[in-house]
C-alpha atoms as a PDB file:
ATOM      1  CA  MET A   1     -18.935 -11.819  10.338  1.00  0.00           C
ATOM      2  CA  ARG A   2     -17.133  -8.757  12.626  1.00  0.00           C
ATOM      3  CA  GLY A   3     -13.728  -9.914  11.704  1.00  0.00           C
ATOM      4  CA  GLU A   4     -15.235  -9.915   7.832  1.00  0.00           C
ATOM      5  CA  GLN A   5     -16.110  -6.037   8.198  1.00  0.00           C
ATOM      6  CA  THR A   6     -13.145  -4.550   9.344  1.00  0.00           C
ATOM      7  CA  PRO A   7     -11.192  -4.779   6.462  1.00  0.00           C
ATOM      8  CA  ARG A   8     -14.145  -3.212   4.469  1.00  0.00           C
ATOM      9  CA  LEU A   9     -14.205  -0.553   7.003  1.00  0.00           C
ATOM     10  CA  ARG A  10     -11.339  -0.289   7.129  1.00  0.00           C
ATOM     11  CA  GLU A  11     -10.612   0.572   3.034  1.00  0.00           C
ATOM     12  CA  ALA A  12     -13.530   2.737   2.770  1.00  0.00           C
ATOM     13  CA  LEU A  13     -11.838   4.743   5.597  1.00  0.00           C
ATOM     14  CA  GLU A  14      -8.792   5.250   4.079  1.00  0.00           C
ATOM     15  CA  ASP A  15     -10.108   5.929   0.431  1.00  0.00           C
ATOM     16  CA  ASP A  16     -12.153   8.701   2.568  1.00  0.00           C
ATOM     17  CA  ILE A  17      -8.833   9.987   4.009  1.00  0.00           C
ATOM     18  CA  VAL A  18      -6.524   9.915   0.980  1.00  0.00           C
ATOM     19  CA  ALA A  19      -9.368  11.092  -1.323  1.00  0.00           C
ATOM     20  CA  GLY A  20      -9.782  14.426   1.293  1.00  0.00           C
ATOM     21  CA  ARG A  21     -13.235  13.197   1.977  1.00  0.00           C
ATOM     22  CA  LEU A  22     -12.227  13.528   5.618  1.00  0.00           C
ATOM     23  CA  LYS A  23     -10.005  16.044   6.365  1.00  0.00           C
ATOM     24  CA  PRO A  24      -6.518  16.185   8.381  1.00  0.00           C
ATOM     25  CA  GLY A  25      -7.211  17.423  11.797  1.00  0.00           C
ATOM     26  CA  GLN A  26     -11.194  15.766  11.762  1.00  0.00           C
ATOM     27  CA  ARG A  27     -12.261  14.009  14.445  1.00  0.00           C
ATOM     28  CA  LEU A  28     -13.282  10.626  13.643  1.00  0.00           C
ATOM     29  CA  ASP A  29     -16.530   9.964  15.581  1.00  0.00           C
ATOM     30  CA  GLU A  30     -17.045   5.926  16.143  1.00  0.00           C
ATOM     31  CA  VAL A  31     -21.287   6.666  16.611  1.00  0.00           C
ATOM     32  CA  GLY A  32     -21.589   8.897  13.111  1.00  0.00           C
ATOM     33  CA  LEU A  33     -19.337   6.191  11.692  1.00  0.00           C
ATOM     34  CA  ALA A  34     -21.150   2.830  13.082  1.00  0.00           C
ATOM     35  CA  GLU A  35     -24.770   4.683  11.917  1.00  0.00           C
ATOM     36  CA  ARG A  36     -22.946   5.252   8.706  1.00  0.00           C
ATOM     37  CA  PHE A  37     -22.184   1.602   7.986  1.00  0.00           C
ATOM     38  CA  GLY A  38     -24.997   0.098   9.413  1.00  0.00           C
ATOM     39  CA  VAL A  39     -22.345  -2.215  11.980  1.00  0.00           C
ATOM     40  CA  SER A  40     -21.692  -1.504  15.958  1.00  0.00           C
ATOM     41  CA  ARG A  41     -18.834   0.257  17.058  1.00  0.00           C
ATOM     42  CA  THR A  42     -16.636  -2.696  17.533  1.00  0.00           C
ATOM     43  CA  PRO A  43     -15.426  -3.148  14.069  1.00  0.00           C
ATOM     44  CA  ILE A  44     -15.208   0.688  14.160  1.00  0.00           C
ATOM     45  CA  ARG A  45     -13.031   0.882  16.680  1.00  0.00           C
ATOM     46  CA  GLU A  46     -10.868  -2.175  15.049  1.00  0.00           C
ATOM     47  CA  ALA A  47     -10.525  -0.375  11.593  1.00  0.00           C
ATOM     48  CA  LEU A  48      -9.478   2.799  13.401  1.00  0.00           C
ATOM     49  CA  ILE A  49      -6.583   1.039  15.573  1.00  0.00           C
ATOM     50  CA  GLN A  50      -5.719  -0.804  12.234  1.00  0.00           C
ATOM     51  CA  LEU A  51      -5.541   2.821  10.400  1.00  0.00           C
ATOM     52  CA  SER A  52      -3.445   4.098  13.223  1.00  0.00           C
ATOM     53  CA  SER A  53      -0.795   1.376  12.342  1.00  0.00           C
ATOM     54  CA  SER A  54      -0.652   2.389   9.062  1.00  0.00           C
ATOM     55  CA  GLY A  55       0.050   6.612  10.065  1.00  0.00           C
ATOM     56  CA  LEU A  56      -3.710   7.426   8.811  1.00  0.00           C
ATOM     57  CA  VAL A  57      -5.409   8.121  11.998  1.00  0.00           C
ATOM     58  CA  GLU A  58      -4.125   9.384  15.046  1.00  0.00           C
ATOM     59  CA  ILE A  59      -5.543   7.420  18.545  1.00  0.00           C
ATOM     60  CA  ARG A  60      -5.447  10.145  21.113  1.00  0.00           C
ATOM     61  CA  PRO A  61      -6.224   9.048  25.080  1.00  0.00           C
ATOM     62  CA  ARG A  62      -9.699  10.185  26.215  1.00  0.00           C
ATOM     63  CA  ARG A  63      -9.858  12.644  23.174  1.00  0.00           C
ATOM     64  CA  GLY A  64     -10.958   9.905  19.787  1.00  0.00           C
ATOM     65  CA  ALA A  65      -9.187   9.195  16.662  1.00  0.00           C
ATOM     66  CA  PHE A  66      -8.267  12.130  14.617  1.00  0.00           C
ATOM     67  CA  VAL A  67      -7.122  11.677  10.655  1.00  0.00           C
ATOM     68  CA  VAL A  68      -3.711  12.427   9.842  1.00  0.00           C
ATOM     69  CA  LEU A  69      -2.360  12.939   6.182  1.00  0.00           C
ATOM     70  CA  LEU A  70       0.789  13.011   4.433  1.00  0.00           C
ATOM     71  CA  GLY A  71       1.408  16.140   2.750  1.00  0.00           C
ATOM     72  CA  PRO A  72       2.438  15.735  -1.042  1.00  0.00           C
ATOM     73  CA  ARG A  73       6.015  16.969  -0.672  1.00  0.00           C
ATOM     74  CA  GLU A  74       5.932  14.246   2.396  1.00  0.00           C
ATOM     75  CA  LEU A  75       4.035  11.921   0.200  1.00  0.00           C
ATOM     76  CA  ILE A  76       7.127  11.841  -2.479  1.00  0.00           C
ATOM     77  CA  GLU A  77       9.726  11.680  -0.313  1.00  0.00           C
ATOM     78  CA  SER A  78       8.720   8.608   1.103  1.00  0.00           C
ATOM     79  CA  PHE A  79       8.001   6.793  -2.053  1.00  0.00           C
ATOM     80  CA  GLU A  80      11.427   8.303  -3.101  1.00  0.00           C
ATOM     81  CA  LEU A  81      13.027   6.376   0.116  1.00  0.00           C
ATOM     82  CA  MET A  82      10.636   3.491  -0.465  1.00  0.00           C
ATOM     83  CA  ALA A  83      12.203   3.184  -3.823  1.00  0.00           C
ATOM     84  CA  GLU A  84      16.100   2.924  -2.611  1.00  0.00           C
ATOM     85  CA  ILE A  85      15.151   0.741   0.057  1.00  0.00           C
ATOM     86  CA  GLU A  86      13.465  -1.739  -2.505  1.00  0.00           C
ATOM     87  CA  ALA A  87      16.390  -1.445  -4.459  1.00  0.00           C
ATOM     88  CA  SER A  88      18.129  -2.053  -1.874  1.00  0.00           C
ATOM     89  CA  CYS A  89      16.353  -5.201  -1.102  1.00  0.00           C
ATOM     90  CA  GLY A  90      16.454  -6.330  -4.756  1.00  0.00           C
ATOM     91  CA  ARG A  91      20.236  -6.163  -4.699  1.00  0.00           C
ATOM     92  CA  LEU A  92      21.008  -8.102  -1.914  1.00  0.00           C
ATOM     93  CA  ALA A  93      18.127 -10.666  -2.265  1.00  0.00           C
ATOM     94  CA  VAL A  94      20.272 -11.685  -5.557  1.00  0.00           C
ATOM     95  CA  GLN A  95      23.283 -12.128  -3.693  1.00  0.00           C
ATOM     96  CA  ARG A  96      21.480 -13.995  -1.017  1.00  0.00           C
ATOM     97  CA  MET A  97      18.789 -15.748  -1.707  1.00  0.00           C
ATOM     98  CA  GLY A  98      18.217 -19.551  -1.495  1.00  0.00           C
ATOM     99  CA  PRO A  99      15.723 -22.354  -3.107  1.00  0.00           C
ATOM    100  CA  SER A 100      13.027 -21.446  -0.358  1.00  0.00           C
ATOM    101  CA  ASP A 101      13.142 -17.599  -1.368  1.00  0.00           C
ATOM    102  CA  ARG A 102      12.976 -18.147  -4.789  1.00  0.00           C
ATOM    103  CA  GLU A 103      10.065 -20.512  -3.795  1.00  0.00           C
ATOM    104  CA  ALA A 104       8.538 -17.752  -2.105  1.00  0.00           C
ATOM    105  CA  ILE A 105       8.889 -15.045  -4.574  1.00  0.00           C
ATOM    106  CA  SER A 106       7.534 -17.456  -7.613  1.00  0.00           C
ATOM    107  CA  ASP A 107       4.494 -18.059  -5.451  1.00  0.00           C
ATOM    108  CA  ALA A 108       3.730 -14.622  -4.722  1.00  0.00           C
ATOM    109  CA  HIS A 109       4.670 -13.887  -8.326  1.00  0.00           C
ATOM    110  CA  GLU A 110       1.685 -16.734  -9.343  1.00  0.00           C
ATOM    111  CA  THR A 111      -0.476 -15.494  -7.103  1.00  0.00           C
ATOM    112  CA  CYS A 112      -0.324 -11.637  -8.423  1.00  0.00           C
ATOM    113  CA  ARG A 113      -0.395 -13.308 -12.001  1.00  0.00           C
ATOM    114  CA  ILE A 114      -3.782 -15.069 -10.671  1.00  0.00           C
ATOM    115  CA  ALA A 115      -5.384 -12.061  -9.520  1.00  0.00           C
ATOM    116  CA  ALA A 116      -4.010  -9.649 -12.566  1.00  0.00           C
ATOM    117  CA  ALA A 117      -5.224 -11.797 -14.903  1.00  0.00           C
ATOM    118  CA  ALA A 118      -8.985 -11.817 -13.701  1.00  0.00           C
ATOM    119  CA  GLY A 119      -8.511  -7.642 -13.201  1.00  0.00           C
ATOM    120  CA  ASP A 120      -9.080  -8.696  -9.449  1.00  0.00           C
ATOM    121  CA  GLU A 121      -7.667  -5.252  -7.973  1.00  0.00           C
ATOM    122  CA  GLU A 122      -8.776  -6.012  -4.470  1.00  0.00           C
ATOM    123  CA  ALA A 123      -7.179  -9.891  -4.652  1.00  0.00           C
ATOM    124  CA  TYR A 124      -3.925  -8.232  -6.128  1.00  0.00           C
ATOM    125  CA  TYR A 125      -3.203  -5.731  -3.488  1.00  0.00           C
ATOM    126  CA  PRO A 126      -2.411  -8.345  -0.706  1.00  0.00           C
ATOM    127  CA  ALA A 127      -0.749 -10.814  -3.218  1.00  0.00           C
ATOM    128  CA  ASN A 128       1.133  -7.497  -4.219  1.00  0.00           C
ATOM    129  CA  ALA A 129       2.528  -7.123  -0.663  1.00  0.00           C
ATOM    130  CA  ARG A 130       3.354 -10.547  -0.339  1.00  0.00           C
ATOM    131  CA  PHE A 131       5.590 -10.329  -3.307  1.00  0.00           C
ATOM    132  CA  HIS A 132       7.401  -7.386  -1.816  1.00  0.00           C
ATOM    133  CA  ALA A 133       7.871  -9.142   0.851  1.00  0.00           C
ATOM    134  CA  ALA A 134       9.121 -11.897   0.016  1.00  0.00           C
ATOM    135  CA  ILE A 135      12.210 -10.275  -1.999  1.00  0.00           C
ATOM    136  CA  TYR A 136      12.966  -8.276   1.410  1.00  0.00           C
ATOM    137  CA  ALA A 137      13.066 -11.887   3.261  1.00  0.00           C
ATOM    138  CA  ALA A 138      15.474 -12.905   0.730  1.00  0.00           C
ATOM    139  CA  THR A 139      17.831 -10.245   1.611  1.00  0.00           C
ATOM    140  CA  GLY A 140      18.424 -12.067   4.891  1.00  0.00           C
ATOM    141  CA  ASN A 141      19.264  -9.025   6.585  1.00  0.00           C
ATOM    142  CA  ARG A 142      16.369  -8.941   9.099  1.00  0.00           C
ATOM    143  CA  VAL A 143      17.035  -4.736  10.149  1.00  0.00           C
ATOM    144  CA  LEU A 144      16.620  -3.718   6.489  1.00  0.00           C
ATOM    145  CA  ALA A 145      13.564  -5.833   6.017  1.00  0.00           C
ATOM    146  CA  GLY A 146      11.975  -4.755   8.915  1.00  0.00           C
ATOM    147  CA  GLU A 147      12.551  -1.590   7.807  1.00  0.00           C
ATOM    148  CA  ALA A 148      11.194  -1.729   4.369  1.00  0.00           C
ATOM    149  CA  LEU A 149       8.332  -3.490   6.016  1.00  0.00           C
ATOM    150  CA  ARG A 150       7.856  -0.493   8.218  1.00  0.00           C
ATOM    151  CA  LEU A 151       7.670   1.821   5.507  1.00  0.00           C
ATOM    152  CA  GLN A 152       5.558  -0.349   3.105  1.00  0.00           C
ATOM    153  CA  ARG A 153       2.819  -0.436   6.349  1.00  0.00           C
ATOM    154  CA  GLY A 154       2.957   3.472   6.147  1.00  0.00           C
ATOM    155  CA  LEU A 155       2.375   3.772   2.689  1.00  0.00           C
ATOM    156  CA  GLN A 156      -0.189   0.925   1.877  1.00  0.00           C
ATOM    157  CA  PRO A 157      -3.238   3.260   1.829  1.00  0.00           C
ATOM    158  CA  TYR A 158      -1.396   5.205  -1.046  1.00  0.00           C
ATOM    159  CA  ARG A 159      -0.303   1.999  -2.856  1.00  0.00           C
ATOM    160  CA  ARG A 160      -3.279   0.159  -2.757  1.00  0.00           C
ATOM    161  CA  LEU A 161      -5.323   3.364  -3.955  1.00  0.00           C
ATOM    162  CA  GLN A 162      -2.875   3.922  -7.241  1.00  0.00           C
ATOM    163  CA  LEU A 163      -4.169   0.198  -8.115  1.00  0.00           C
ATOM    164  CA  LYS A 164      -7.457   2.040  -8.972  1.00  0.00           C
ATOM    165  CA  VAL A 165      -5.703   3.462 -11.886  1.00  0.00           C
ATOM    166  CA  PRO A 166      -6.937   2.375 -15.366  1.00  0.00           C
ATOM    167  CA  ARG A 167      -4.692  -0.774 -16.189  1.00  0.00           C
ATOM    168  CA  ARG A 168      -2.402  -0.310 -13.349  1.00  0.00           C
ATOM    169  CA  VAL A 169      -2.739  -3.901 -12.000  1.00  0.00           C
ATOM    170  CA  GLU A 170      -1.678  -5.015 -15.449  1.00  0.00           C
ATOM    171  CA  ALA A 171       1.098  -2.443 -15.790  1.00  0.00           C
ATOM    172  CA  SER A 172       1.940  -3.137 -11.958  1.00  0.00           C
ATOM    173  CA  PHE A 173       2.479  -7.522 -13.134  1.00  0.00           C
ATOM    174  CA  ALA A 174       4.450  -6.723 -16.075  1.00  0.00           C
ATOM    175  CA  GLU A 175       7.078  -4.777 -13.825  1.00  0.00           C
ATOM    176  CA  HIS A 176       7.112  -7.940 -11.328  1.00  0.00           C
ATOM    177  CA  GLN A 177       7.721  -9.855 -13.985  1.00  0.00           C
ATOM    178  CA  GLY A 178      10.955  -7.835 -15.060  1.00  0.00           C
ATOM    179  CA  ILE A 179      11.820  -8.064 -11.713  1.00  0.00           C
ATOM    180  CA  VAL A 180      11.507 -11.425 -10.918  1.00  0.00           C
ATOM    181  CA  ASP A 181      13.527 -12.516 -14.561  1.00  0.00           C
ATOM    182  CA  ALA A 182      16.590  -9.570 -13.501  1.00  0.00           C
ATOM    183  CA  LEU A 183      16.182 -11.674  -9.707  1.00  0.00           C
ATOM    184  CA  PHE A 184      16.696 -15.175 -11.201  1.00  0.00           C
ATOM    185  CA  ALA A 185      18.959 -14.295 -13.919  1.00  0.00           C
ATOM    186  CA  GLY A 186      21.563 -13.383 -11.086  1.00  0.00           C
ATOM    187  CA  ASP A 187      21.753  -9.586 -12.101  1.00  0.00           C
ATOM    188  CA  GLY A 188      21.554  -7.349  -8.930  1.00  0.00           C
ATOM    189  CA  PRO A 189      21.944  -3.887 -10.712  1.00  0.00           C
ATOM    190  CA  LEU A 190      18.861  -4.926 -13.158  1.00  0.00           C
ATOM    191  CA  ALA A 191      16.883  -5.870 -10.096  1.00  0.00           C
ATOM    192  CA  ALA A 192      17.632  -2.831  -8.254  1.00  0.00           C
ATOM    193  CA  GLU A 193      16.702  -0.507 -10.986  1.00  0.00           C
ATOM    194  CA  ARG A 194      13.571  -2.296 -11.924  1.00  0.00           C
ATOM    195  CA  LEU A 195      12.490  -2.207  -8.229  1.00  0.00           C
ATOM    196  CA  ARG A 196      13.412   1.555  -7.935  1.00  0.00           C
ATOM    197  CA  ALA A 197      11.277   2.257 -11.136  1.00  0.00           C
ATOM    198  CA  HIS A 198       8.153   0.243 -10.295  1.00  0.00           C
ATOM    199  CA  VAL A 199       8.138   1.831  -6.603  1.00  0.00           C
ATOM    200  CA  LEU A 200       8.543   5.312  -8.280  1.00  0.00           C
ATOM    201  CA  VAL A 201       5.805   4.725 -10.460  1.00  0.00           C
ATOM    202  CA  GLN A 202       3.485   3.916  -8.363  1.00  0.00           C
ATOM    203  CA  GLY A 203       3.814   7.170  -6.409  1.00  0.00           C
ATOM    204  CA  GLU A 204       3.819   9.219  -9.817  1.00  0.00           C
ATOM    205  CA  ARG A 205       0.546   7.240 -10.551  1.00  0.00           C
ATOM    206  CA  PHE A 206      -0.616   8.099  -7.177  1.00  0.00           C
ATOM    207  CA  MET A 207       0.075  12.098  -6.912  1.00  0.00           C
ATOM    208  CA  THR A 208      -2.005  12.111 -10.619  1.00  0.00           C
ATOM    209  CA  LEU A 209      -4.939  10.030  -8.774  1.00  0.00           C
ATOM    210  CA  LEU A 210      -5.056  12.032  -5.364  1.00  0.00           C
ATOM    211  CA  ALA A 211      -5.138  15.175  -7.734  1.00  0.00           C
ATOM    212  CA  ALA A 212      -7.585  13.881  -9.719  1.00  0.00           C
ATOM    213  CA  LEU A 213      -9.862  12.486  -6.328  1.00  0.00           C
ATOM    214  CA  GLN A 214      -9.292  15.877  -4.404  1.00  0.00           C
ATOM    215  CA  ALA A 215     -10.317  17.792  -7.387  1.00  0.00           C
ATOM    216  CA  GLU A 216     -13.666  15.422  -7.477  1.00  0.00           C
ATOM    217  CA  SER A 217     -14.117  15.949  -3.842  1.00  0.00           C
ATOM    218  CA  GLU A 218     -14.297  19.779  -4.134  1.00  0.00           C
ATOM    219  CA  ALA A 219     -16.173  19.551  -6.978  1.00  0.00           C
ATOM    220  CA  LEU A 220     -18.845  17.612  -4.706  1.00  0.00           C
ATOM    221  CA  GLU A 221     -18.522  20.101  -1.841  1.00  0.00           C
ATOM    222  CA  ASP A 222     -19.381  23.464  -4.110  1.00  0.00           C
ATOM    223  CA  ALA A 223     -21.870  21.562  -5.503  1.00  0.00           C
ATOM    224  CA  GLY A 224     -23.690  20.809  -2.013  1.00  0.00           C
END
């Protein structure tokens, strides 16, 4: 049961941080959070540890956990870097992928299709991460794949939240289809360009959503 609670708690806290309901520098009190969510402190602590790995929370010895949030400029620059890294992965994957890589990409793509058809954003997100990870692995470059995974983890909360934009899951899957078509056609430049555009539009969509969420949060604070 506790293991099932942790992802839910982590995602709820991610949303609060990214939407501005929890402010940068704010201390996250385990006791207060446990009372809020009606759970023990253990799953709260586990969720905070997971958030620290994605960079949204900093755990300071003997002081507790504190909110960390990238500013708008850092977010834009991070999405731009992610876009270039993914483009490089797509180009190399075309050159180096083997049958097992094609199968892994196809399987992940099919899982995305099922989630998108059901309109299930909660199922689509891990399938989407698996799809991109399969492309990273297909590069045959462990350093590049490792860097892509590291940055993907750092942007994970932001990329997950942008899937809440209306019809974004459907659009994301359509973009995936274009990427798969280019990869399997052996067109490295086209695969690179489609991956770059796919990540950049995620960043643009996220910034639009973030502005709306922050405005909503500020309105609620003013009303209170």
